[in-house]
Amino acid sequence: MKIHIKEAIGLGDILLFIALTCTFSLVSFITLFVSSLLFSLLLHLISSKGNKEKTVPLAGYMSLFFAISYIAYWSGLITNLYSL
């Protein structure tokens, strides 16, 4: 079963990726991006146990990860988010 790229990735995903590339340094971006993908995978596996739908709201999960990261930074749990 082949899926066209337009069916696999949405506009929200693309806009989020573009915004994130302009926000962090290269090393921080790669670290946080990979971490957010792993977070999204785990969250999706946990939350979709009984769900029959095959889509993954990647931009939503990644936004949640970055919101948590920023809250941790603003509250002082992470000292420097931009130079990991």
Protein backbone atom coordinates (compact mmCIF):
# COMPACT_ATOMS: atom_id res chain seq x y z
CA MET A 1 0.00 0.00 0.00
CA LYS A 2 1.65 3.20 -1.19
CA ILE A 3 0.81 6.53 0.42
CA HIS A 4 1.51 9.80 -1.35
CA ILE A 5 3.55 12.35 0.62
CA LYS A 6 0.61 14.80 0.58
CA GLU A 7 -1.46 12.23 2.46
CA ALA A 8 1.27 11.43 5.00
CA ILE A 9 2.30 14.91 6.15
CA GLY A 10 0.06 17.90 6.72
CA LEU A 11 0.50 21.63 6.38
CA GLY A 12 0.66 21.99 10.17
CA ASP A 13 3.61 19.61 10.29
CA ILE A 14 5.49 21.55 7.62
CA LEU A 15 4.82 24.94 9.24
CA LEU A 16 5.94 23.63 12.64
CA PHE A 17 9.18 22.23 11.16
CA ILE A 18 9.95 25.55 9.44
CA ALA A 19 9.28 27.52 12.63
CA LEU A 20 11.47 25.20 14.69
CA THR A 21 14.42 25.35 12.31
CA CYS A 22 14.56 29.12 12.77
CA THR A 23 14.32 28.94 16.56
CA PHE A 24 17.27 26.86 17.77
CA SER A 25 20.96 26.35 16.99
CA LEU A 26 21.78 23.28 14.91
CA VAL A 27 22.82 20.97 17.77
CA SER A 28 19.93 22.06 19.99
CA PHE A 29 17.49 21.67 17.10
CA ILE A 30 18.63 18.14 16.29
CA THR A 31 18.56 17.09 19.96
CA LEU A 32 15.14 18.60 20.64
CA PHE A 33 13.70 17.45 17.31
CA VAL A 34 14.71 13.83 17.83
CA SER A 35 13.50 14.00 21.44
CA SER A 36 10.16 15.40 20.30
CA LEU A 37 9.79 12.63 17.71
CA LEU A 38 10.44 9.99 20.37
CA PHE A 39 8.00 11.74 22.73
CA SER A 40 5.40 11.79 19.94
CA LEU A 41 5.90 8.10 19.23
CA LEU A 42 5.56 7.12 22.88
CA LEU A 43 2.55 9.35 23.43
CA HIS A 44 0.85 7.99 20.33
CA LEU A 45 1.53 4.36 21.29
CA ILE A 46 0.13 4.97 24.78
CA SER A 47 -2.91 6.98 23.72
CA SER A 48 -3.97 4.90 20.70
CA LYS A 49 -4.33 1.46 22.28
CA GLY A 50 -8.02 1.07 21.38
CA ASN A 51 -8.15 3.64 18.60
CA LYS A 52 -8.67 2.26 15.08
CA GLU A 53 -7.62 5.46 13.31
CA LYS A 54 -4.18 5.20 11.68
CA THR A 55 -3.22 8.89 11.64
CA VAL A 56 -0.72 10.50 14.01
CA PRO A 57 -1.22 14.18 14.98
CA LEU A 58 2.54 14.80 14.82
CA ALA A 59 2.42 18.60 14.95
CA GLY A 60 0.13 18.47 17.99
CA TYR A 61 2.33 16.01 19.87
CA MET A 62 5.49 17.94 19.01
CA SER A 63 3.85 21.22 20.05
CA LEU A 64 3.00 19.65 23.39
CA PHE A 65 6.63 18.55 23.79
CA PHE A 66 7.96 22.02 23.01
CA ALA A 67 5.38 23.63 25.31
CA ILE A 68 6.58 21.39 28.13
CA SER A 69 10.20 22.21 27.25
CA TYR A 70 9.54 25.96 27.33
CA ILE A 71 7.62 25.71 30.62
CA ALA A 72 10.54 23.75 32.11
CA TYR A 73 12.94 26.44 30.86
CA TRP A 74 10.84 29.33 32.17
CA SER A 75 10.37 27.68 35.56
CA GLY A 76 14.11 27.10 35.94
CA LEU A 77 14.16 23.29 35.63
CA ILE A 78 16.27 23.60 32.46
CA THR A 79 18.97 26.25 32.70
CA ASN A 80 19.79 26.74 29.02
CA LEU A 81 17.43 25.43 26.36
CA TYR A 82 19.27 26.99 23.43
CA SER A 83 22.71 25.46 23.82
CA LEU A 84 22.24 21.80 24.71
